[in-house]
Amino acid sequence: MIRAESLTKLYGALRAVDGISFTVQPGEVLGFLGPNGAGKTTTMRMIAGFVPPTSGRAEICGFPVDDQPIEARRRLGYLPEGAPCYGEMTPRQFLGFIARVRGLDGERRRSRLDDVIARLHLGRVLDQRIETLSKGFRRRVGLAQAIVHDPPVLILDEPTDGLDPNQKHEVRELINAMAKDKIIVISTHILEEVEAVCTRAIIITAGRIVTDETPAALIRRSRHHNAVTLRFEQAALLREAAAELRSLADVEHVELDEAARAVTAFPRGSALIVTAVADLAGAKGWPLSQLHLESGRLDEVFRSITEQEAA
């Protein structure tokens, strides 16, 4: 597992990380979230052994990062912020160098290089200098070096930063494929990424953990959880529909979005109102283009938690 115990980092009077503790087990994909400056990257650097903590300790697969750094790093694949590479090298040269550093040779070296090159679609840029590559390709080269030795632990800081939507999807699919037998920690500010790949989410602010839950549990905290949105073909019916929806017993309040020709009904407490709303819409013969049951909005929960902590 990964274990962090009371990790703290001070930069002069600034307390960048303030006593963070957690463990991550095999098969878990942990999303590490927080506003800019919350301490996400500093925490990941301490766990990876690239920044010493002011106090506290971290372990990777039972090896203390401070006392047994080589053994800890043998089991770690790390994608740092910005994916630093040797710009004068080509991806072929750079990945070959990383494979040698990692102790890979012979058929094992060839098979691992072939695997990461294929998985990250690097074939057409293998012999192009890294400094000339697009940000997205440099990011993919950085991810390739993190997984070339097939480590049991991955720490990935913004793994899809700079990728286009198709490339983001490919990397998320790769993370999902690796997740079943690895421990993966991902720092990201892309909340849809948390829903797509993470089994657990930690939110930190001001260097402290404020939430540690599954993404599904976080989404259920959204005020939009189990709300029902109706989109109308004609905007003229919005106010009439809103008044009718307010009359339903389990509807707490109703919001209009005239630009989108939509009305959203919010349930009272944990009530399920979708059947009542659908029955009302059918009885009234409203011309709808969509009737949608909301699962919840992670961005709304994230804002609520971090703004409350800041206040």
C-alpha atoms as a PDB file:
ATOM      1  CA  MET A   1       0.000   0.000   0.000  1.00  0.00           C
ATOM      2  CA  ILE A   2       0.845   3.681   0.038  1.00  0.00           C
ATOM      3  CA  ARG A   3       0.840   5.094   3.549  1.00  0.00           C
ATOM      4  CA  ALA A   4       1.129   8.752   4.536  1.00  0.00           C
ATOM      5  CA  GLU A   5       1.373   9.556   8.243  1.00  0.00           C
ATOM      6  CA  SER A   6       1.054  13.155   9.451  1.00  0.00           C
ATOM      7  CA  LEU A   7       2.912  14.566   6.447  1.00  0.00           C
ATOM      8  CA  THR A   8       3.734  18.220   7.005  1.00  0.00           C
ATOM      9  CA  LYS A   9       5.750  20.623   4.864  1.00  0.00           C
ATOM     10  CA  LEU A  10       6.789  24.125   5.870  1.00  0.00           C
ATOM     11  CA  TYR A  11       8.333  26.721   3.583  1.00  0.00           C
ATOM     12  CA  GLY A  12       9.383  29.346   6.092  1.00  0.00           C
ATOM     13  CA  ALA A  13       6.183  30.593   7.693  1.00  0.00           C
ATOM     14  CA  LEU A  14       4.027  28.942   4.988  1.00  0.00           C
ATOM     15  CA  ARG A  15       2.481  25.615   6.014  1.00  0.00           C
ATOM     16  CA  ALA A  16       1.995  24.063   2.569  1.00  0.00           C
ATOM     17  CA  VAL A  17       0.913  20.652   3.912  1.00  0.00           C
ATOM     18  CA  ASP A  18      -0.548  20.314   7.392  1.00  0.00           C
ATOM     19  CA  GLY A  19      -0.523  16.799   8.898  1.00  0.00           C
ATOM     20  CA  ILE A  20      -1.987  14.754   6.048  1.00  0.00           C
ATOM     21  CA  SER A  21      -2.580  11.031   6.711  1.00  0.00           C
ATOM     22  CA  PHE A  22      -4.143   8.365   4.462  1.00  0.00           C
ATOM     23  CA  THR A  23      -3.539   4.904   3.002  1.00  0.00           C
ATOM     24  CA  VAL A  24      -4.222   3.575  -0.481  1.00  0.00           C
ATOM     25  CA  GLN A  25      -4.715  -0.148  -1.145  1.00  0.00           C
ATOM     26  CA  PRO A  26      -4.160  -2.222  -4.331  1.00  0.00           C
ATOM     27  CA  GLY A  27      -7.034  -1.808  -6.771  1.00  0.00           C
ATOM     28  CA  GLU A  28      -7.824   1.719  -5.595  1.00  0.00           C
ATOM     29  CA  VAL A  29      -7.566   4.748  -7.856  1.00  0.00           C
ATOM     30  CA  LEU A  30      -7.388   7.761  -5.567  1.00  0.00           C
ATOM     31  CA  GLY A  31      -8.225  11.185  -6.938  1.00  0.00           C
ATOM     32  CA  PHE A  32      -6.365  13.932  -5.109  1.00  0.00           C
ATOM     33  CA  LEU A  33      -8.340  17.161  -5.465  1.00  0.00           C
ATOM     34  CA  GLY A  34      -8.104  20.704  -4.233  1.00  0.00           C
ATOM     35  CA  PRO A  35      -7.946  24.333  -5.364  1.00  0.00           C
ATOM     36  CA  ASN A  36      -4.668  25.764  -6.631  1.00  0.00           C
ATOM     37  CA  GLY A  37      -2.165  26.069  -3.794  1.00  0.00           C
ATOM     38  CA  ALA A  38      -3.953  23.512  -1.610  1.00  0.00           C
ATOM     39  CA  GLY A  39      -0.846  21.300  -1.286  1.00  0.00           C
ATOM     40  CA  LYS A  40      -1.671  18.499  -3.748  1.00  0.00           C
ATOM     41  CA  THR A  41       1.606  18.545  -5.690  1.00  0.00           C
ATOM     42  CA  THR A  42       3.728  19.010  -2.557  1.00  0.00           C
ATOM     43  CA  THR A  43       2.058  15.982  -0.937  1.00  0.00           C
ATOM     44  CA  MET A  44       2.656  13.838  -4.010  1.00  0.00           C
ATOM     45  CA  ARG A  45       6.288  14.928  -4.181  1.00  0.00           C
ATOM     46  CA  MET A  46       6.803  13.950  -0.536  1.00  0.00           C
ATOM     47  CA  ILE A  47       5.257  10.513  -1.100  1.00  0.00           C
ATOM     48  CA  ALA A  48       7.401  10.018  -4.211  1.00  0.00           C
ATOM     49  CA  GLY A  49      10.537  11.008  -2.274  1.00  0.00           C
ATOM     50  CA  PHE A  50      11.368  14.113  -4.296  1.00  0.00           C
ATOM     51  CA  VAL A  51      10.658  16.572  -1.479  1.00  0.00           C
ATOM     52  CA  PRO A  52      11.543  15.752   2.143  1.00  0.00           C
ATOM     53  CA  PRO A  53       8.752  16.363   4.663  1.00  0.00           C
ATOM     54  CA  THR A  54       9.287  18.751   7.532  1.00  0.00           C
ATOM     55  CA  SER A  55       7.677  16.072   9.699  1.00  0.00           C
ATOM     56  CA  GLY A  56       5.726  12.853   9.195  1.00  0.00           C
ATOM     57  CA  ARG A  57       6.569   9.912   6.973  1.00  0.00           C
ATOM     58  CA  ALA A  58       5.507   8.066   3.841  1.00  0.00           C
ATOM     59  CA  GLU A  59       5.795   4.409   2.814  1.00  0.00           C
ATOM     60  CA  ILE A  60       5.514   2.680  -0.559  1.00  0.00           C
ATOM     61  CA  CYS A  61       4.801  -1.073  -0.390  1.00  0.00           C
ATOM     62  CA  GLY A  62       6.145  -1.173   3.158  1.00  0.00           C
ATOM     63  CA  PHE A  63       9.395   0.681   2.414  1.00  0.00           C
ATOM     64  CA  PRO A  64       9.854   4.049   4.165  1.00  0.00           C
ATOM     65  CA  VAL A  65      10.580   6.716   1.557  1.00  0.00           C
ATOM     66  CA  ASP A  66      13.133   8.432   3.796  1.00  0.00           C
ATOM     67  CA  ASP A  67      14.984   5.348   5.140  1.00  0.00           C
ATOM     68  CA  GLN A  68      14.798   3.041   2.099  1.00  0.00           C
ATOM     69  CA  PRO A  69      14.382   5.404  -0.855  1.00  0.00           C
ATOM     70  CA  ILE A  70      15.782   3.080  -3.542  1.00  0.00           C
ATOM     71  CA  GLU A  71      13.520   0.178  -2.614  1.00  0.00           C
ATOM     72  CA  ALA A  72      10.521   2.518  -2.448  1.00  0.00           C
ATOM     73  CA  ARG A  73      11.283   4.054  -5.844  1.00  0.00           C
ATOM     74  CA  ARG A  74      11.817   0.657  -7.498  1.00  0.00           C
ATOM     75  CA  ARG A  75       8.110   0.062  -6.941  1.00  0.00           C
ATOM     76  CA  LEU A  76       7.001   3.521  -8.044  1.00  0.00           C
ATOM     77  CA  GLY A  77       6.085   5.066 -11.360  1.00  0.00           C
ATOM     78  CA  TYR A  78       5.947   8.861 -11.056  1.00  0.00           C
ATOM     79  CA  LEU A  79       4.634  11.411 -13.518  1.00  0.00           C
ATOM     80  CA  PRO A  80       5.580  14.837 -12.094  1.00  0.00           C
ATOM     81  CA  GLU A  81       3.915  18.133 -12.824  1.00  0.00           C
ATOM     82  CA  GLY A  82       4.964  19.291 -16.291  1.00  0.00           C
ATOM     83  CA  ALA A  83       6.375  15.857 -17.297  1.00  0.00           C
ATOM     84  CA  PRO A  84      10.028  16.959 -17.448  1.00  0.00           C
ATOM     85  CA  CYS A  85      12.067  15.106 -20.079  1.00  0.00           C
ATOM     86  CA  TYR A  86      15.442  15.569 -21.795  1.00  0.00           C
ATOM     87  CA  GLY A  87      14.393  17.788 -24.686  1.00  0.00           C
ATOM     88  CA  GLU A  88      17.431  16.986 -26.849  1.00  0.00           C
ATOM     89  CA  MET A  89      16.565  13.270 -26.820  1.00  0.00           C
ATOM     90  CA  THR A  90      13.986  11.525 -28.990  1.00  0.00           C
ATOM     91  CA  PRO A  91      11.241   9.485 -27.279  1.00  0.00           C
ATOM     92  CA  ARG A  92      13.031   6.325 -28.456  1.00  0.00           C
ATOM     93  CA  GLN A  93      16.278   7.423 -26.810  1.00  0.00           C
ATOM     94  CA  PHE A  94      14.612   8.737 -23.660  1.00  0.00           C
ATOM     95  CA  LEU A  95      12.471   5.657 -23.024  1.00  0.00           C
ATOM     96  CA  GLY A  96      15.446   3.403 -23.732  1.00  0.00           C
ATOM     97  CA  PHE A  97      17.471   5.379 -21.186  1.00  0.00           C
ATOM     98  CA  ILE A  98      14.698   5.106 -18.573  1.00  0.00           C
ATOM     99  CA  ALA A  99      14.407   1.357 -19.222  1.00  0.00           C
ATOM    100  CA  ARG A 100      18.151   0.928 -18.576  1.00  0.00           C
ATOM    101  CA  VAL A 101      17.963   3.036 -15.401  1.00  0.00           C
ATOM    102  CA  ARG A 102      15.101   0.813 -14.260  1.00  0.00           C
ATOM    103  CA  GLY A 103      17.248  -2.280 -14.798  1.00  0.00           C
ATOM    104  CA  LEU A 104      15.363  -3.666 -17.795  1.00  0.00           C
ATOM    105  CA  ASP A 105      17.365  -5.577 -20.381  1.00  0.00           C
ATOM    106  CA  GLY A 106      17.029  -8.200 -23.108  1.00  0.00           C
ATOM    107  CA  GLU A 107      13.582  -9.411 -24.111  1.00  0.00           C
ATOM    108  CA  ARG A 108      11.951  -7.840 -21.033  1.00  0.00           C
ATOM    109  CA  ARG A 109      13.264  -4.418 -22.072  1.00  0.00           C
ATOM    110  CA  ARG A 110      12.063  -4.845 -25.658  1.00  0.00           C
ATOM    111  CA  SER A 111       8.601  -6.061 -24.668  1.00  0.00           C
ATOM    112  CA  ARG A 112       8.045  -3.265 -22.133  1.00  0.00           C
ATOM    113  CA  LEU A 113       9.145  -0.573 -24.577  1.00  0.00           C
ATOM    114  CA  ASP A 114       6.925  -2.020 -27.322  1.00  0.00           C
ATOM    115  CA  ASP A 115       4.003  -2.112 -24.869  1.00  0.00           C
ATOM    116  CA  VAL A 116       4.221   1.507 -23.660  1.00  0.00           C
ATOM    117  CA  ILE A 117       4.888   2.861 -27.164  1.00  0.00           C
ATOM    118  CA  ALA A 118       1.779   1.087 -28.454  1.00  0.00           C
ATOM    119  CA  ARG A 119      -0.407   1.996 -25.476  1.00  0.00           C
ATOM    120  CA  LEU A 120       0.426   5.684 -25.723  1.00  0.00           C
ATOM    121  CA  HIS A 121       0.501   5.857 -29.537  1.00  0.00           C
ATOM    122  CA  LEU A 122       4.030   7.226 -29.736  1.00  0.00           C
ATOM    123  CA  GLY A 123       5.089   5.387 -32.889  1.00  0.00           C
ATOM    124  CA  ARG A 124       4.955   8.332 -35.272  1.00  0.00           C
ATOM    125  CA  VAL A 125       7.082  10.624 -33.050  1.00  0.00           C
ATOM    126  CA  LEU A 126       9.638   8.106 -31.778  1.00  0.00           C
ATOM    127  CA  ASP A 127      12.545   9.712 -33.642  1.00  0.00           C
ATOM    128  CA  GLN A 128      11.531  13.355 -33.233  1.00  0.00           C
ATOM    129  CA  ARG A 129      13.325  15.492 -30.634  1.00  0.00           C
ATOM    130  CA  ILE A 130      11.192  15.795 -27.496  1.00  0.00           C
ATOM    131  CA  GLU A 131      11.627  19.579 -27.382  1.00  0.00           C
ATOM    132  CA  THR A 132       9.809  19.821 -30.738  1.00  0.00           C
ATOM    133  CA  LEU A 133       6.812  17.733 -29.668  1.00  0.00           C
ATOM    134  CA  SER A 134       3.415  19.173 -28.802  1.00  0.00           C
ATOM    135  CA  LYS A 135       2.472  19.478 -25.129  1.00  0.00           C
ATOM    136  CA  GLY A 136       0.169  16.488 -25.504  1.00  0.00           C
ATOM    137  CA  PHE A 137       2.888  14.235 -26.926  1.00  0.00           C
ATOM    138  CA  ARG A 138       5.379  15.351 -24.262  1.00  0.00           C
ATOM    139  CA  ARG A 139       2.791  14.424 -21.656  1.00  0.00           C
ATOM    140  CA  ARG A 140       2.388  10.993 -23.221  1.00  0.00           C
ATOM    141  CA  VAL A 141       6.158  10.463 -23.232  1.00  0.00           C
ATOM    142  CA  GLY A 142       6.173  11.386 -19.537  1.00  0.00           C
ATOM    143  CA  LEU A 143       3.429   8.869 -18.807  1.00  0.00           C
ATOM    144  CA  ALA A 144       5.284   6.208 -20.813  1.00  0.00           C
ATOM    145  CA  GLN A 145       8.409   6.599 -18.664  1.00  0.00           C
ATOM    146  CA  ALA A 146       6.279   6.245 -15.515  1.00  0.00           C
ATOM    147  CA  ILE A 147       4.894   2.848 -16.539  1.00  0.00           C
ATOM    148  CA  VAL A 148       7.773   1.376 -18.567  1.00  0.00           C
ATOM    149  CA  HIS A 149       8.940  -0.857 -15.679  1.00  0.00           C
ATOM    150  CA  ASP A 150       5.350  -1.935 -14.870  1.00  0.00           C
ATOM    151  CA  PRO A 151       5.452  -0.701 -11.249  1.00  0.00           C
ATOM    152  CA  PRO A 152       2.835  -1.686  -8.638  1.00  0.00           C
ATOM    153  CA  VAL A 153       2.389   1.963  -7.586  1.00  0.00           C
ATOM    154  CA  LEU A 154       1.686   4.960  -9.825  1.00  0.00           C
ATOM    155  CA  ILE A 155       1.611   8.611  -8.746  1.00  0.00           C
ATOM    156  CA  LEU A 156       0.373  10.773 -11.601  1.00  0.00           C
ATOM    157  CA  ASP A 157       0.234  14.558 -11.327  1.00  0.00           C
ATOM    158  CA  GLU A 158      -2.286  15.897 -13.877  1.00  0.00           C
ATOM    159  CA  PRO A 159      -1.863  12.913 -16.258  1.00  0.00           C
ATOM    160  CA  THR A 160      -4.143  14.326 -18.983  1.00  0.00           C
ATOM    161  CA  ASP A 161      -2.903  17.928 -18.848  1.00  0.00           C
ATOM    162  CA  GLY A 162      -2.523  19.258 -22.399  1.00  0.00           C
ATOM    163  CA  LEU A 163      -4.253  16.321 -24.093  1.00  0.00           C
ATOM    164  CA  ASP A 164      -7.146  16.721 -26.519  1.00  0.00           C
ATOM    165  CA  PRO A 165     -10.488  15.007 -25.687  1.00  0.00           C
ATOM    166  CA  ASN A 166      -9.645  11.842 -27.635  1.00  0.00           C
ATOM    167  CA  GLN A 167      -6.220  11.569 -25.992  1.00  0.00           C
ATOM    168  CA  LYS A 168      -7.768  12.134 -22.547  1.00  0.00           C
ATOM    169  CA  HIS A 169     -10.170   9.278 -23.206  1.00  0.00           C
ATOM    170  CA  GLU A 170      -7.291   6.992 -24.237  1.00  0.00           C
ATOM    171  CA  VAL A 171      -5.294   7.791 -21.080  1.00  0.00           C
ATOM    172  CA  ARG A 172      -8.348   7.252 -18.875  1.00  0.00           C
ATOM    173  CA  GLU A 173      -8.928   3.890 -20.544  1.00  0.00           C
ATOM    174  CA  LEU A 174      -5.284   3.024 -19.876  1.00  0.00           C
ATOM    175  CA  ILE A 175      -5.619   3.970 -16.196  1.00  0.00           C
ATOM    176  CA  ASN A 176      -8.783   1.880 -15.876  1.00  0.00           C
ATOM    177  CA  ALA A 177      -7.023  -1.091 -17.482  1.00  0.00           C
ATOM    178  CA  MET A 178      -4.068  -0.831 -15.085  1.00  0.00           C
ATOM    179  CA  ALA A 179      -6.155  -0.176 -11.975  1.00  0.00           C
ATOM    180  CA  LYS A 180      -7.118  -3.759 -11.160  1.00  0.00           C
ATOM    181  CA  ASP A 181      -3.625  -4.748  -9.983  1.00  0.00           C
ATOM    182  CA  LYS A 182      -1.989  -1.421  -9.110  1.00  0.00           C
ATOM    183  CA  ILE A 183      -2.205   1.373  -6.567  1.00  0.00           C
ATOM    184  CA  ILE A 184      -2.830   4.640  -8.427  1.00  0.00           C
ATOM    185  CA  VAL A 185      -2.940   8.181  -7.086  1.00  0.00           C
ATOM    186  CA  ILE A 186      -3.985  10.938  -9.484  1.00  0.00           C
ATOM    187  CA  SER A 187      -3.823  14.649  -8.839  1.00  0.00           C
ATOM    188  CA  THR A 188      -6.249  16.463 -11.106  1.00  0.00           C
ATOM    189  CA  HIS A 189      -8.367  19.590 -11.375  1.00  0.00           C
ATOM    190  CA  ILE A 190     -10.607  17.953 -14.013  1.00  0.00           C
ATOM    191  CA  LEU A 191     -13.611  16.770 -12.032  1.00  0.00           C
ATOM    192  CA  GLU A 192     -15.005  14.622 -14.861  1.00  0.00           C
ATOM    193  CA  GLU A 193     -11.754  12.657 -14.629  1.00  0.00           C
ATOM    194  CA  VAL A 194     -12.544  11.766 -11.023  1.00  0.00           C
ATOM    195  CA  GLU A 195     -15.914  10.356 -12.054  1.00  0.00           C
ATOM    196  CA  ALA A 196     -14.340   8.508 -15.008  1.00  0.00           C
ATOM    197  CA  VAL A 197     -11.432   6.709 -13.308  1.00  0.00           C
ATOM    198  CA  CYS A 198     -11.357   7.154  -9.526  1.00  0.00           C
ATOM    199  CA  THR A 199     -12.775   4.806  -6.899  1.00  0.00           C
ATOM    200  CA  ARG A 200     -12.083   7.299  -4.110  1.00  0.00           C
ATOM    201  CA  ALA A 201     -11.544  11.042  -3.806  1.00  0.00           C
ATOM    202  CA  ILE A 202      -9.668  13.102  -1.235  1.00  0.00           C
ATOM    203  CA  ILE A 203     -10.247  16.859  -1.247  1.00  0.00           C
ATOM    204  CA  ILE A 204      -7.637  19.027   0.451  1.00  0.00           C
ATOM    205  CA  THR A 205      -7.579  22.731   1.084  1.00  0.00           C
ATOM    206  CA  ALA A 206      -4.984  24.807   2.937  1.00  0.00           C
ATOM    207  CA  GLY A 207      -2.850  21.678   3.235  1.00  0.00           C
ATOM    208  CA  ARG A 208      -5.460  19.635   5.139  1.00  0.00           C
ATOM    209  CA  ILE A 209      -7.799  16.789   4.156  1.00  0.00           C
ATOM    210  CA  VAL A 210     -11.400  17.967   4.350  1.00  0.00           C
ATOM    211  CA  THR A 211     -13.154  15.067   2.580  1.00  0.00           C
ATOM    212  CA  ASP A 212     -12.324  11.409   1.867  1.00  0.00           C
ATOM    213  CA  GLU A 213     -15.195   9.621   0.103  1.00  0.00           C
ATOM    214  CA  THR A 214     -16.112   7.757  -3.061  1.00  0.00           C
ATOM    215  CA  PRO A 215     -17.038   9.960  -6.045  1.00  0.00           C
ATOM    216  CA  ALA A 216     -20.577   8.530  -5.879  1.00  0.00           C
ATOM    217  CA  ALA A 217     -20.928   9.584  -2.235  1.00  0.00           C
ATOM    218  CA  LEU A 218     -19.683  13.077  -3.074  1.00  0.00           C
ATOM    219  CA  ILE A 219     -22.150  13.402  -5.941  1.00  0.00           C
ATOM    220  CA  ARG A 220     -25.008  12.434  -3.616  1.00  0.00           C
ATOM    221  CA  ARG A 221     -24.149  15.527  -1.560  1.00  0.00           C
ATOM    222  CA  SER A 222     -25.040  17.725  -4.556  1.00  0.00           C
ATOM    223  CA  ARG A 223     -28.286  19.643  -4.297  1.00  0.00           C
ATOM    224  CA  HIS A 224     -28.984  18.426  -7.854  1.00  0.00           C
ATOM    225  CA  HIS A 225     -28.977  14.771  -6.717  1.00  0.00           C
ATOM    226  CA  ASN A 226     -32.353  13.279  -7.773  1.00  0.00           C
ATOM    227  CA  ALA A 227     -33.549  16.615  -9.168  1.00  0.00           C
ATOM    228  CA  VAL A 228     -35.507  16.405 -12.426  1.00  0.00           C
ATOM    229  CA  THR A 229     -34.883  18.710 -15.393  1.00  0.00           C
ATOM    230  CA  LEU A 230     -37.461  19.199 -18.138  1.00  0.00           C
ATOM    231  CA  ARG A 231     -36.451  20.813 -21.434  1.00  0.00           C
ATOM    232  CA  PHE A 232     -39.302  22.320 -23.430  1.00  0.00           C
ATOM    233  CA  GLU A 233     -39.710  22.793 -27.139  1.00  0.00           C
ATOM    234  CA  GLN A 234     -41.485  26.103 -26.430  1.00  0.00           C
ATOM    235  CA  ALA A 235     -40.234  28.651 -23.909  1.00  0.00           C
ATOM    236  CA  ALA A 236     -43.754  30.037 -23.454  1.00  0.00           C
ATOM    237  CA  LEU A 237     -44.737  27.115 -21.233  1.00  0.00           C
ATOM    238  CA  LEU A 238     -41.890  27.477 -18.719  1.00  0.00           C
ATOM    239  CA  ARG A 239     -43.653  29.569 -16.088  1.00  0.00           C
ATOM    240  CA  GLU A 240     -46.866  27.554 -16.265  1.00  0.00           C
ATOM    241  CA  ALA A 241     -44.857  24.340 -15.840  1.00  0.00           C
ATOM    242  CA  ALA A 242     -42.902  25.778 -12.920  1.00  0.00           C
ATOM    243  CA  ALA A 243     -46.132  26.658 -11.103  1.00  0.00           C
ATOM    244  CA  GLU A 244     -47.540  23.167 -11.656  1.00  0.00           C
ATOM    245  CA  LEU A 245     -44.325  21.518 -10.462  1.00  0.00           C
ATOM    246  CA  ARG A 246     -44.310  23.576  -7.266  1.00  0.00           C
ATOM    247  CA  SER A 247     -47.684  22.077  -6.405  1.00  0.00           C
ATOM    248  CA  LEU A 248     -46.246  18.545  -6.165  1.00  0.00           C
ATOM    249  CA  ALA A 249     -45.970  17.408  -2.553  1.00  0.00           C
ATOM    250  CA  ASP A 250     -42.333  16.270  -2.657  1.00  0.00           C
ATOM    251  CA  VAL A 251     -40.967  19.205  -4.690  1.00  0.00           C
ATOM    252  CA  GLU A 252     -39.109  21.662  -2.480  1.00  0.00           C
ATOM    253  CA  HIS A 253     -38.421  24.349  -5.071  1.00  0.00           C
ATOM    254  CA  VAL A 254     -38.169  24.939  -8.814  1.00  0.00           C
ATOM    255  CA  GLU A 255     -35.628  26.830 -10.919  1.00  0.00           C
ATOM    256  CA  LEU A 256     -36.083  28.188 -14.455  1.00  0.00           C
ATOM    257  CA  ASP A 257     -33.448  28.521 -17.168  1.00  0.00           C
ATOM    258  CA  GLU A 258     -35.155  30.479 -19.915  1.00  0.00           C
ATOM    259  CA  ALA A 259     -32.104  30.482 -22.197  1.00  0.00           C
ATOM    260  CA  ALA A 260     -32.065  26.659 -22.194  1.00  0.00           C
ATOM    261  CA  ARG A 261     -35.892  26.422 -22.139  1.00  0.00           C
ATOM    262  CA  ALA A 262     -35.568  24.249 -19.021  1.00  0.00           C
ATOM    263  CA  VAL A 263     -37.199  23.857 -15.629  1.00  0.00           C
ATOM    264  CA  THR A 264     -35.540  21.927 -12.790  1.00  0.00           C
ATOM    265  CA  ALA A 265     -37.561  20.554  -9.881  1.00  0.00           C
ATOM    266  CA  PHE A 266     -35.635  19.855  -6.675  1.00  0.00           C
ATOM    267  CA  PRO A 267     -36.859  17.161  -4.261  1.00  0.00           C
ATOM    268  CA  ARG A 268     -37.679  17.659  -0.623  1.00  0.00           C
ATOM    269  CA  GLY A 269     -35.032  15.770   1.366  1.00  0.00           C
ATOM    270  CA  SER A 270     -34.278  12.386  -0.223  1.00  0.00           C
ATOM    271  CA  ALA A 271     -37.620  12.050  -2.000  1.00  0.00           C
ATOM    272  CA  LEU A 272     -37.756  10.524  -5.486  1.00  0.00           C
ATOM    273  CA  ILE A 273     -39.880  12.800  -7.648  1.00  0.00           C
ATOM    274  CA  VAL A 274     -39.135  11.612 -11.186  1.00  0.00           C
ATOM    275  CA  THR A 275     -42.302   9.495 -11.482  1.00  0.00           C
ATOM    276  CA  ALA A 276     -44.555  12.273 -10.189  1.00  0.00           C
ATOM    277  CA  VAL A 277     -42.933  14.815 -12.522  1.00  0.00           C
ATOM    278  CA  ALA A 278     -43.211  12.491 -15.526  1.00  0.00           C
ATOM    279  CA  ASP A 279     -46.867  11.739 -14.735  1.00  0.00           C
ATOM    280  CA  LEU A 280     -47.617  15.463 -14.463  1.00  0.00           C
ATOM    281  CA  ALA A 281     -45.864  16.220 -17.761  1.00  0.00           C
ATOM    282  CA  GLY A 282     -47.847  13.470 -19.483  1.00  0.00           C
ATOM    283  CA  ALA A 283     -51.166  14.593 -18.008  1.00  0.00           C
ATOM    284  CA  LYS A 284     -50.524  18.194 -19.093  1.00  0.00           C
ATOM    285  CA  GLY A 285     -49.305  17.166 -22.533  1.00  0.00           C
ATOM    286  CA  TRP A 286     -46.210  19.343 -22.293  1.00  0.00           C
ATOM    287  CA  PRO A 287     -44.103  19.274 -25.481  1.00  0.00           C
ATOM    288  CA  LEU A 288     -40.763  18.160 -24.037  1.00  0.00           C
ATOM    289  CA  SER A 289     -37.477  17.567 -25.809  1.00  0.00           C
ATOM    290  CA  GLN A 290     -35.998  15.939 -22.672  1.00  0.00           C
ATOM    291  CA  LEU A 291     -36.892  14.777 -19.170  1.00  0.00           C
ATOM    292  CA  HIS A 292     -33.705  14.089 -17.239  1.00  0.00           C
ATOM    293  CA  LEU A 293     -33.086  12.676 -13.745  1.00  0.00           C
ATOM    294  CA  GLU A 294     -30.008  14.421 -12.327  1.00  0.00           C
ATOM    295  CA  SER A 295     -27.394  12.245 -10.599  1.00  0.00           C
ATOM    296  CA  GLY A 296     -25.692  15.275  -9.036  1.00  0.00           C
ATOM    297  CA  ARG A 297     -22.861  17.639  -9.906  1.00  0.00           C
ATOM    298  CA  LEU A 298     -19.383  17.078  -8.544  1.00  0.00           C
ATOM    299  CA  ASP A 299     -18.239  20.616  -9.367  1.00  0.00           C
ATOM    300  CA  GLU A 300     -21.010  22.008  -7.175  1.00  0.00           C
ATOM    301  CA  VAL A 301     -19.952  19.786  -4.245  1.00  0.00           C
ATOM    302  CA  PHE A 302     -16.287  20.688  -4.746  1.00  0.00           C
ATOM    303  CA  ARG A 303     -17.073  24.416  -4.656  1.00  0.00           C
ATOM    304  CA  SER A 304     -19.287  24.026  -1.621  1.00  0.00           C
ATOM    305  CA  ILE A 305     -16.652  22.097   0.379  1.00  0.00           C
ATOM    306  CA  THR A 306     -13.652  24.236  -0.539  1.00  0.00           C
ATOM    307  CA  GLU A 307     -15.469  27.573  -0.180  1.00  0.00           C
ATOM    308  CA  GLN A 308     -16.865  26.537   3.210  1.00  0.00           C
ATOM    309  CA  GLU A 309     -13.383  25.561   4.413  1.00  0.00           C
ATOM    310  CA  ALA A 310     -11.905  28.823   3.094  1.00  0.00           C
ATOM    311  CA  ALA A 311     -14.591  30.793   4.930  1.00  0.00           C
END
